[in-house]
Protein backbone atom coordinates (compact mmCIF):
# COMPACT_ATOMS: atom_id res chain seq x y z
CA UNK A 1 -25.80 -9.34 -4.63
CA UNK A 2 -27.88 -7.20 -2.57
CA UNK A 3 -28.30 -3.32 -3.15
CA UNK A 4 -25.91 -1.72 -0.86
CA UNK A 5 -28.80 -0.16 1.28
CA UNK A 6 -30.23 -3.49 1.73
CA UNK A 7 -27.03 -5.20 3.23
CA UNK A 8 -27.09 -5.61 6.99
CA UNK A 9 -23.31 -5.13 7.50
CA UNK A 10 -23.28 -6.29 10.98
CA UNK A 11 -25.25 -9.38 10.13
CA UNK A 12 -23.02 -10.21 7.30
CA UNK A 13 -19.95 -9.99 9.51
CA UNK A 14 -21.57 -12.30 11.98
CA UNK A 15 -22.34 -14.84 9.18
CA UNK A 16 -18.63 -14.95 8.41
CA UNK A 17 -17.43 -14.88 11.91
CA UNK A 18 -19.53 -17.95 12.64
CA UNK A 19 -18.24 -19.82 9.80
CA UNK A 20 -14.71 -18.80 10.85
CA UNK A 21 -15.58 -20.31 14.15
CA UNK A 22 -16.67 -23.62 12.54
CA UNK A 23 -13.23 -24.03 10.93
CA UNK A 24 -10.87 -21.63 12.86
CA UNK A 25 -7.69 -23.21 11.49
CA UNK A 26 -8.04 -23.87 7.78
CA UNK A 27 -5.86 -26.41 6.63
CA UNK A 28 -3.30 -25.66 3.55
CA UNK A 29 -5.71 -27.33 0.89
CA UNK A 30 -8.49 -24.97 1.93
CA UNK A 31 -6.42 -21.99 1.67
CA UNK A 32 -4.90 -23.01 -1.45
CA UNK A 33 -8.05 -23.66 -3.14
CA UNK A 34 -9.27 -20.09 -2.15
CA UNK A 35 -6.01 -18.71 -3.59
CA UNK A 36 -6.59 -20.59 -6.90
CA UNK A 37 -10.09 -19.46 -6.77
CA UNK A 38 -8.99 -15.75 -6.95
CA UNK A 39 -6.57 -16.68 -9.62
CA UNK A 40 -9.27 -18.08 -11.69
CA UNK A 41 -11.44 -14.95 -11.30
CA UNK A 42 -8.87 -12.74 -12.13
CA UNK A 43 -7.00 -14.66 -15.14
CA UNK A 44 -10.09 -15.80 -16.69
CA UNK A 45 -11.84 -12.30 -16.75
CA UNK A 46 -8.97 -10.12 -18.04
CA UNK A 47 -11.01 -8.38 -20.76
CA UNK A 48 -14.01 -7.72 -18.59
CA UNK A 49 -11.67 -6.19 -15.67
CA UNK A 50 -9.79 -4.12 -18.17
CA UNK A 51 -12.97 -2.68 -19.87
CA UNK A 52 -14.78 -1.88 -16.61
CA UNK A 53 -11.64 0.08 -15.26
CA UNK A 54 -11.39 1.73 -18.76
CA UNK A 55 -15.03 2.54 -18.57
CA UNK A 56 -14.75 4.08 -15.11
CA UNK A 57 -11.79 6.18 -15.72
CA UNK A 58 -12.96 7.37 -19.11
CA UNK A 59 -9.52 6.19 -20.49
CA UNK A 60 -7.36 3.68 -18.65
CA UNK A 61 -5.02 1.79 -21.06
CA UNK A 62 -5.41 -1.94 -21.21
CA UNK A 63 -1.45 -2.19 -21.01
CA UNK A 64 -1.39 -0.46 -17.58
CA UNK A 65 -4.28 -2.57 -16.05
CA UNK A 66 -2.51 -5.54 -17.36
CA UNK A 67 0.93 -4.42 -15.87
CA UNK A 68 -0.13 -2.58 -12.81
CA UNK A 69 -3.10 -4.67 -11.57
CA UNK A 70 -3.62 -8.06 -13.19
CA UNK A 71 0.15 -9.06 -13.17
CA UNK A 72 1.03 -8.06 -9.51
CA UNK A 73 -2.12 -9.69 -8.41
CA UNK A 74 -1.30 -12.99 -10.03
CA UNK A 75 2.28 -12.87 -9.00
CA UNK A 76 1.09 -12.44 -5.47
CA UNK A 77 -1.13 -15.34 -5.61
CA UNK A 78 1.53 -17.64 -7.16
CA UNK A 79 4.19 -16.59 -4.58
CA UNK A 80 1.57 -17.28 -1.66
CA UNK A 81 0.94 -20.64 -3.22
CA UNK A 82 4.63 -21.20 -3.29
CA UNK A 83 5.41 -20.45 0.04
CA UNK A 84 2.14 -20.53 2.19
CA UNK A 85 2.38 -23.86 3.40
CA UNK A 86 5.87 -23.04 4.98
CA UNK A 87 4.58 -19.71 6.54
CA UNK A 88 1.64 -21.50 8.40
CA UNK A 89 3.97 -24.15 10.12
CA UNK A 90 4.84 -23.56 13.86
CA UNK A 91 8.32 -22.55 14.50
CA UNK A 92 9.83 -24.53 17.75
CA UNK A 93 12.96 -24.06 19.84
CA UNK A 94 14.34 -24.23 23.21
CA UNK A 95 13.45 -21.88 26.00
CA UNK A 96 15.62 -19.33 27.42
CA UNK A 97 18.72 -20.89 29.41
CA UNK A 98 17.27 -20.26 32.81
CA UNK A 99 13.99 -22.31 31.71
CA UNK A 100 15.53 -25.25 30.28
CA UNK A 101 14.55 -28.03 29.42
CA UNK A 102 11.32 -26.35 28.51
CA UNK A 103 10.30 -25.68 24.89
CA UNK A 104 8.88 -22.75 23.05
CA UNK A 105 6.94 -22.38 19.87
CA UNK A 106 5.01 -19.79 17.67
CA UNK A 107 1.85 -20.88 16.24
CA UNK A 108 0.50 -18.59 13.26
CA UNK A 109 -3.26 -18.56 13.89
CA UNK A 110 -5.88 -16.60 11.59
CA UNK A 111 -7.23 -13.43 13.17
CA UNK A 112 -10.81 -14.35 12.19
CA UNK A 113 -12.68 -11.77 9.66
CA UNK A 114 -10.60 -9.12 7.95
CA UNK A 115 -11.98 -5.85 6.55
CA UNK A 116 -10.70 -4.42 3.42
CA UNK A 117 -11.62 -0.91 2.14
CA UNK A 118 -10.17 -0.26 -1.44
CA UNK A 119 -9.35 3.12 -3.01
CA UNK A 120 -10.51 3.97 -6.65
CA UNK A 121 -7.08 4.33 -8.31
CA UNK A 122 -5.97 0.69 -8.36
CA UNK A 123 -9.26 -0.99 -7.69
CA UNK A 124 -8.20 -4.29 -8.56
CA UNK A 125 -4.84 -4.71 -7.10
CA UNK A 126 -5.71 -2.79 -4.07
CA UNK A 127 -8.66 -5.19 -3.33
CA UNK A 128 -6.57 -8.51 -4.39
CA UNK A 129 -3.48 -7.67 -2.77
CA UNK A 130 -4.70 -7.66 0.94
CA UNK A 131 -7.29 -10.19 0.15
CA UNK A 132 -4.46 -12.70 -1.02
CA UNK A 133 -2.51 -12.11 2.05
CA UNK A 134 -5.62 -12.52 4.47
CA UNK A 135 -6.76 -15.57 2.63
CA UNK A 136 -3.19 -17.27 2.87
CA UNK A 137 -3.29 -16.70 6.70
CA UNK A 138 -6.59 -18.48 6.91
CA UNK A 139 -9.04 -15.53 7.49
CA UNK A 140 -12.49 -14.76 5.86
CA UNK A 141 -12.88 -11.42 4.41
CA UNK A 142 -15.13 -8.48 3.64
CA UNK A 143 -14.11 -5.98 1.16
CA UNK A 144 -15.68 -2.56 0.45
CA UNK A 145 -15.18 -1.35 -2.77
CA UNK A 146 -14.84 2.20 -4.02
CA UNK A 147 -18.07 4.09 -5.35
CA UNK A 148 -15.73 6.17 -7.64
CA UNK A 149 -15.20 2.88 -9.99
CA UNK A 150 -19.00 1.63 -10.00
CA UNK A 151 -18.45 -0.70 -13.18
CA UNK A 152 -15.56 -2.64 -11.85
CA UNK A 153 -16.68 -2.53 -8.32
CA UNK A 154 -20.08 -4.40 -9.53
CA UNK A 155 -17.81 -6.52 -11.68
CA UNK A 156 -15.64 -7.69 -8.87
CA UNK A 157 -18.59 -8.34 -6.57
CA UNK A 158 -20.13 -10.60 -9.32
CA UNK A 159 -16.84 -12.46 -9.79
CA UNK A 160 -16.16 -13.01 -6.08
CA UNK A 161 -19.82 -14.38 -5.44
CA UNK A 162 -19.20 -16.72 -8.58
CA UNK A 163 -15.95 -18.23 -7.46
CA UNK A 164 -16.17 -18.03 -3.57
CA UNK A 165 -18.68 -19.41 -1.03
CA UNK A 166 -20.71 -16.49 0.39
CA UNK A 167 -19.20 -16.97 3.83
CA UNK A 168 -15.64 -17.10 2.63
CA UNK A 169 -15.25 -13.54 0.95
CA UNK A 170 -18.05 -10.98 0.69
CA UNK A 171 -17.90 -7.77 -1.42
CA UNK A 172 -19.89 -4.70 -0.39
CA UNK A 173 -20.66 -1.80 -2.52
CA UNK A 174 -22.23 1.68 -1.50
CA UNK A 175 -21.37 5.24 -1.00
CA UNK A 176 -19.36 7.13 1.72
CA UNK A 177 -21.85 6.42 4.10
CA UNK A 178 -21.55 2.75 3.49
CA UNK A 179 -17.79 2.79 3.88
CA UNK A 180 -18.29 4.82 7.20
CA UNK A 181 -20.62 1.94 8.53
CA UNK A 182 -18.01 -0.68 7.49
CA UNK A 183 -15.07 0.95 9.03
CA UNK A 184 -17.18 1.03 12.22
CA UNK A 185 -17.63 -2.79 12.16
CA UNK A 186 -15.77 -4.81 14.86
CA UNK A 187 -13.44 -6.70 12.44
CA UNK A 188 -10.39 -8.71 13.72
CA UNK A 189 -8.25 -6.61 11.31
CA UNK A 190 -9.05 -3.63 9.13
CA UNK A 191 -6.92 -2.50 6.30
CA UNK A 192 -7.61 0.76 4.59
CA UNK A 193 -5.88 2.21 1.47
CA UNK A 194 -6.67 5.99 0.69
CA UNK A 195 -6.00 9.47 1.79
CA UNK A 196 -4.36 10.54 5.12
CA UNK A 197 -7.36 12.67 5.65
CA UNK A 198 -9.70 9.90 5.46
CA UNK A 199 -7.36 7.49 7.42
CA UNK A 200 -7.94 9.61 10.52
CA UNK A 201 -11.55 8.88 10.44
CA UNK A 202 -11.16 5.10 9.69
CA UNK A 203 -8.80 4.95 12.70
CA UNK A 204 -11.12 6.74 14.77
CA UNK A 205 -14.00 4.44 13.86
CA UNK A 206 -11.85 1.27 14.52
CA UNK A 207 -10.58 2.64 17.73
CA UNK A 208 -14.13 2.22 19.19
CA UNK A 209 -13.89 -1.72 18.84
CA UNK A 210 -10.22 -1.78 19.36
CA UNK A 211 -9.82 -3.10 16.07
CA UNK A 212 -6.12 -3.28 14.95
CA UNK A 213 -5.72 -1.26 11.55
CA UNK A 214 -3.16 -1.29 8.70
CA UNK A 215 -3.44 2.06 7.17
CA UNK A 216 -1.80 2.41 3.62
CA UNK A 217 -2.02 6.33 3.05
CA UNK A 218 0.18 8.55 0.91
CA UNK A 219 2.01 11.89 1.34
CA UNK A 220 4.38 13.70 -0.52
CA UNK A 221 6.77 11.09 -2.06
CA UNK A 222 10.07 12.93 -2.97
CA UNK A 223 12.44 12.04 -5.89
CA UNK A 224 16.01 13.01 -5.24
CA UNK A 225 18.59 13.47 -8.09
CA UNK A 226 21.71 13.40 -6.24
CA UNK A 227 25.20 14.97 -7.48
CA UNK A 228 26.32 11.57 -8.95
CA UNK A 229 23.15 10.68 -10.60
CA UNK A 230 22.86 9.52 -14.15
CA UNK A 231 21.08 12.57 -15.04
CA UNK A 232 19.07 11.59 -18.14
CA UNK A 233 18.15 8.18 -16.72
CA UNK A 234 16.81 9.78 -13.63
CA UNK A 235 14.67 12.19 -15.35
CA UNK A 236 13.12 9.40 -17.55
CA UNK A 237 12.34 7.03 -14.79
CA UNK A 238 10.75 9.82 -12.54
CA UNK A 239 8.63 10.91 -15.48
CA UNK A 240 7.43 7.17 -15.98
CA UNK A 241 6.87 6.87 -12.33
CA UNK A 242 4.81 10.17 -12.38
CA UNK A 243 2.74 9.39 -15.73
CA UNK A 244 1.70 5.98 -15.40
CA UNK A 245 -1.99 6.12 -14.52
CA UNK A 246 -1.48 9.78 -14.96
CA UNK A 247 -0.06 10.22 -11.66
CA UNK A 248 -2.89 8.59 -9.79
CA UNK A 249 -0.65 6.23 -7.83
CA UNK A 250 -0.04 6.45 -4.07
CA UNK A 251 3.71 6.12 -4.52
CA UNK A 252 4.12 8.35 -7.53
CA UNK A 253 6.88 10.84 -7.32
CA UNK A 254 5.31 13.96 -5.73
CA UNK A 255 8.14 16.29 -6.19
CA UNK A 256 11.83 16.50 -7.28
CA UNK A 257 14.68 17.64 -5.31
CA UNK A 258 17.49 18.45 -7.73
CA UNK A 259 20.67 20.59 -7.90
CA UNK A 260 19.79 24.15 -8.50
CA UNK A 261 22.04 24.46 -11.61
CA UNK A 262 19.89 21.47 -13.33
CA UNK A 263 16.42 23.10 -13.40
CA UNK A 264 16.54 23.94 -17.19
CA UNK A 265 18.44 20.59 -17.94
CA UNK A 266 15.64 18.71 -16.16
CA UNK A 267 12.95 20.56 -18.06
CA UNK A 268 14.58 19.81 -21.43
CA UNK A 269 15.10 16.23 -20.55
CA UNK A 270 11.51 16.02 -19.35
CA UNK A 271 10.29 17.24 -22.60
CA UNK A 272 12.02 14.73 -24.52
CA UNK A 273 11.13 11.93 -22.10
CA UNK A 274 7.38 12.67 -22.25
CA UNK A 275 7.61 12.82 -26.03
CA UNK A 276 9.12 9.39 -26.11
CA UNK A 277 6.65 7.70 -23.54
CA UNK A 278 3.51 9.39 -24.99
CA UNK A 279 3.82 10.79 -28.31
CA UNK A 280 0.95 13.06 -29.34
CA UNK A 281 -0.31 12.70 -25.91
CA UNK A 282 -3.69 14.61 -26.27
CA UNK A 283 -4.82 11.69 -28.36
CA UNK A 284 -2.64 8.79 -26.88
CA UNK A 285 -5.03 6.15 -25.63
CA UNK A 286 -2.01 4.95 -23.46
CA UNK A 287 -2.26 8.02 -21.41
CA UNK A 288 -4.91 7.62 -18.73
CA UNK A 289 -7.70 9.98 -18.04
CA UNK A 290 -8.11 11.57 -14.52
CA UNK A 291 -10.76 9.24 -12.94
CA UNK A 292 -13.48 11.68 -12.07
CA UNK A 293 -14.66 15.31 -12.78
CA UNK A 294 -14.06 15.99 -8.97
CA UNK A 295 -10.45 14.81 -9.05
CA UNK A 296 -9.93 16.68 -12.36
CA UNK A 297 -11.09 20.00 -11.05
CA UNK A 298 -9.04 19.69 -7.96
CA UNK A 299 -5.85 19.12 -10.03
CA UNK A 300 -6.58 22.01 -11.95
CA UNK A 301 -7.10 24.20 -8.85
CA UNK A 302 -3.77 23.12 -7.44
CA UNK A 303 -1.99 24.07 -10.52
CA UNK A 304 -3.87 27.46 -11.06
CA UNK A 305 -3.28 28.29 -7.38
CA UNK A 306 0.30 27.77 -7.72
CA UNK A 307 0.38 29.78 -10.85
CA UNK A 308 -1.40 32.67 -9.29
CA UNK A 309 0.90 32.60 -6.00
CA UNK A 310 3.97 33.18 -8.31
CA UNK A 311 4.99 29.59 -9.40
CA UNK A 312 6.19 29.13 -13.21
CA UNK A 313 4.82 26.11 -15.42
CA UNK A 314 6.30 24.25 -18.25
CA UNK A 315 3.88 21.77 -19.98
CA UNK A 316 5.51 18.64 -21.11
CA UNK A 317 2.91 17.44 -23.62
CA UNK A 318 2.39 18.55 -27.17
CA UNK A 319 -1.25 19.76 -26.49
CA UNK A 320 -3.44 21.65 -24.13
CA UNK A 321 -5.53 19.90 -21.74
CA UNK A 322 -8.64 18.23 -22.87
CA UNK A 323 -11.34 18.64 -20.30
CA UNK A 324 -14.04 16.58 -22.12
CA UNK A 325 -11.91 13.39 -21.66
CA UNK A 326 -10.31 14.59 -18.49
CA UNK A 327 -6.96 14.60 -19.95
CA UNK A 328 -4.43 16.78 -17.90
CA UNK A 329 -1.19 17.58 -19.76
CA UNK A 330 1.89 16.75 -17.61
CA UNK A 331 3.16 19.92 -16.13
CA UNK A 332 6.38 20.83 -14.31
CA UNK A 333 5.93 23.52 -11.59
CA UNK A 334 9.09 25.88 -10.66
CA UNK A 335 9.36 28.47 -8.06
CA UNK A 336 7.03 26.85 -5.72
CA UNK A 337 6.58 27.40 -2.15
CA UNK A 338 5.84 25.49 0.93
CA UNK A 339 2.79 27.49 1.68
CA UNK A 340 1.25 26.57 -1.70
CA UNK A 341 -1.34 23.93 -1.52
CA UNK A 342 0.53 21.93 -4.20
CA UNK A 343 3.55 21.51 -1.93
CA UNK A 344 1.11 20.72 1.05
CA UNK A 345 -1.47 18.04 -0.42
CA UNK A 346 -0.59 14.82 -2.15
CA UNK A 347 -0.82 15.80 -5.78
CA UNK A 348 -2.12 12.54 -7.24
CA UNK A 349 -2.13 13.74 -10.72
CA UNK A 350 0.44 14.78 -13.43
CA UNK A 351 1.83 17.90 -11.81
CA UNK A 352 5.49 17.80 -10.78
CA UNK A 353 6.86 20.45 -8.68
CA UNK A 354 10.77 20.89 -8.86
CA UNK A 355 12.50 22.10 -5.83
CA UNK A 356 16.21 23.01 -5.94
CA UNK A 357 18.98 22.40 -3.64
CA UNK A 358 22.60 23.80 -3.25
CA UNK A 359 23.79 20.71 -1.34
CA UNK A 360 22.71 17.42 -0.63
CA UNK A 361 22.55 18.12 2.90
CA UNK A 362 19.77 20.71 2.06
CA UNK A 363 17.65 18.25 0.18
CA UNK A 364 18.04 15.63 3.11
CA UNK A 365 16.89 18.21 5.54
CA UNK A 366 13.96 19.23 3.46
CA UNK A 367 12.79 15.67 3.31
CA UNK A 368 13.66 14.98 6.99
CA UNK A 369 11.76 18.27 8.15
CA UNK A 370 8.40 17.23 6.28
CA UNK A 371 5.91 14.53 7.10
CA UNK A 372 7.35 11.18 6.48
CA UNK A 373 6.23 9.93 2.96
CA UNK A 374 5.14 6.65 1.75
CA UNK A 375 7.86 6.39 -0.87
CA UNK A 376 11.17 7.88 -1.47
CA UNK A 377 13.51 7.83 -4.65
CA UNK A 378 16.89 8.38 -4.80
CA UNK A 379 19.13 8.64 -8.02
CA UNK A 380 22.84 8.38 -7.05
CA UNK A 381 25.68 6.15 -7.82
CA UNK A 382 28.05 6.98 -4.90
CA UNK A 383 27.16 4.57 -1.95
CA UNK A 384 28.34 6.81 0.80
CA UNK A 385 25.72 9.52 -0.61
CA UNK A 386 22.94 6.63 -0.77
CA UNK A 387 23.86 5.62 2.82
CA UNK A 388 23.54 9.08 4.10
CA UNK A 389 20.11 9.44 2.63
CA UNK A 390 18.82 6.36 3.70
CA UNK A 391 20.06 7.10 7.43
CA UNK A 392 18.93 10.51 7.80
CA UNK A 393 15.41 10.22 6.23
CA UNK A 394 12.25 8.32 6.92
CA UNK A 395 9.77 6.59 4.48
CA UNK A 396 7.53 3.92 4.08
CA UNK A 397 9.79 2.23 1.36
CA UNK A 398 12.63 3.23 -1.08
CA UNK A 399 13.45 2.49 -4.48
CA UNK A 400 17.07 3.41 -5.62
CA UNK A 401 17.82 4.50 -9.30
CA UNK A 402 14.31 3.95 -10.30
CA UNK A 403 10.71 4.54 -9.31
CA UNK A 404 7.61 2.35 -7.98
CA UNK A 405 9.27 -1.02 -8.12
CA UNK A 406 9.71 -1.61 -4.46
CA UNK A 407 5.99 -2.19 -4.34
CA UNK A 408 6.17 -5.31 -6.61
CA UNK A 409 8.78 -7.15 -4.34
CA UNK A 410 6.89 -10.16 -2.54
CA UNK A 411 9.83 -10.38 -0.04
CA UNK A 412 9.56 -6.61 1.04
CA UNK A 413 6.79 -5.40 3.12
CA UNK A 414 4.82 -2.38 1.66
CA UNK A 415 3.50 -0.02 4.08
CA UNK A 416 3.78 3.74 5.62
CA UNK A 417 5.37 5.20 8.58
CA UNK A 418 3.88 8.13 10.43
CA UNK A 419 1.43 10.17 8.43
CA UNK A 420 1.83 7.93 5.63
CA UNK A 421 0.67 4.94 7.48
CA UNK A 422 1.02 2.04 9.64
CA UNK A 423 1.69 -1.70 9.50
CA UNK A 424 2.73 -3.36 6.22
CA UNK A 425 1.75 -6.41 4.03
CA UNK A 426 2.62 -8.35 0.73
CA UNK A 427 4.01 -11.76 0.83
CA UNK A 428 4.99 -13.13 4.39
CA UNK A 429 4.73 -9.66 6.07
CA UNK A 430 1.18 -9.72 4.89
CA UNK A 431 0.85 -13.24 6.30
CA UNK A 432 2.16 -12.20 9.57
CA UNK A 433 -0.17 -9.05 9.65
CA UNK A 434 -3.23 -11.06 9.30
CA UNK A 435 -2.25 -13.83 11.55
CA UNK A 436 -1.76 -13.95 15.29
CA UNK A 437 1.55 -15.28 15.83
CA UNK A 438 0.61 -17.31 19.25
CA UNK A 439 3.27 -17.82 21.52
CA UNK A 440 3.48 -20.92 23.49
CA UNK A 441 5.77 -21.95 26.32
CA UNK A 442 5.78 -25.96 26.83
CA UNK A 443 7.07 -26.99 30.44
CA UNK A 444 9.18 -30.09 30.54
CA UNK A 445 7.93 -33.01 32.75
CA UNK A 446 11.21 -32.93 34.53
CA UNK A 447 12.05 -29.21 35.51
CA UNK A 448 13.41 -27.28 38.38
CA UNK A 449 10.90 -24.62 38.75
CA UNK A 450 9.74 -25.77 42.19
CA UNK A 451 12.97 -24.62 43.51
CA UNK A 452 11.73 -21.01 43.11
CA UNK A 453 8.39 -21.59 45.08
CA UNK A 454 7.73 -19.81 48.33
CA UNK A 455 8.62 -19.81 51.27
CA UNK A 456 11.61 -17.91 49.91
CA UNK A 457 14.58 -19.12 51.79
CA UNK A 458 18.56 -19.28 51.55
CA UNK A 459 18.39 -21.61 48.58
CA UNK A 460 15.93 -19.54 46.59
CA UNK A 461 18.25 -16.34 47.36
CA UNK A 462 21.32 -18.27 46.06
CA UNK A 463 19.58 -19.39 42.91
CA UNK A 464 18.21 -16.04 42.32
CA UNK A 465 21.71 -14.40 42.56
CA UNK A 466 23.07 -17.01 39.80
CA UNK A 467 20.05 -15.83 37.53
CA UNK A 468 20.71 -12.17 38.05
CA UNK A 469 24.45 -12.66 37.30
CA UNK A 470 23.84 -14.80 34.34
CA UNK A 471 21.03 -12.62 32.75
């Protein structure tokens, strides 16, 4: 692998584009071979992957890397291997009534060369997930890894180079300037996962080439505890979704909307849940570190700013923060206001604001009147209330009576809406994202289209009236 500043990105893209032109519609055995190569690269190197990510974070438990990155990556590969041959088959049917006996078909066609920009928080899964979908759709791929996970990014580049031909999948490493140049390349499709702020720049760069984009951003994903929720269950699942990877998850619950009378009850239940999930949290190696000093300082500033502006805090752990290992104690924030940065920015860490409501309508209005989030979590048993929330709010995805798990469903598209992103992938939805579903109209040898040729006379007008009436 060349050093980043030695890589001619445009030349590498052209090399992959030339290879794709020589085999523009890979057959199923070729696609399956590429998927199995990725499976091998991940499954045979689990130890190195976990060690590299742990080293990059300072502390990332092996269990979380296996559960949240290795497992969903391998599961997605195997789902694609089971269903990909069917996805790539053309679908055929009859033309609209007025055009019979003509036929129609839709032919899935690879877009060409796909670009993927990977964030630092889940560097394996957020590289492998879109890569799997692009490969099963028959594309070649260039991947820009995050500079904030240098050890894993270098390892992933080595694994891809070992298991793929250099004109099939190429991994690029480098700093923000390399990422900016990468986003400006004329890919056939570009997928970016990251912050909304950076997403603006990526979309602007892609627009110069009219490159279609899928943006997986973030935003402030709410968890609503409804009046009919199983309260203790809701608290534990919210805390779990918040504290895995120390909250550094794009779909982590960002704040909680709950009945005003339940603030103290939530606090007590949250302390108990944290003690169960992460006993002796200050020394617990199953509780992840904040990935970088910059992100740790940002979270400290969010918390301190809120407290200086009048918010109250309750620490959920049994010890204070440990800056030397970037361990930030889980903290509830009460009496927050919308003008505080902690309520304006995606938190991306173990700080959890509590926002009280008096009626469920107030909670729904609060979500509906703020930018549309990537995820929404609702804890409620009453179906009428569930329907009310689902109908009146927008979110990229929803999990009911739990957190996080909608992202792991191969038969559900994953993506944002509005400020939290555009487009989606995973499973067949990802296959379609990275394919052109080419429509084909096949005219029958015997047909009546000449009846509609000019010059337009009485017969034409009679036939046209029949068409207009029949629709």
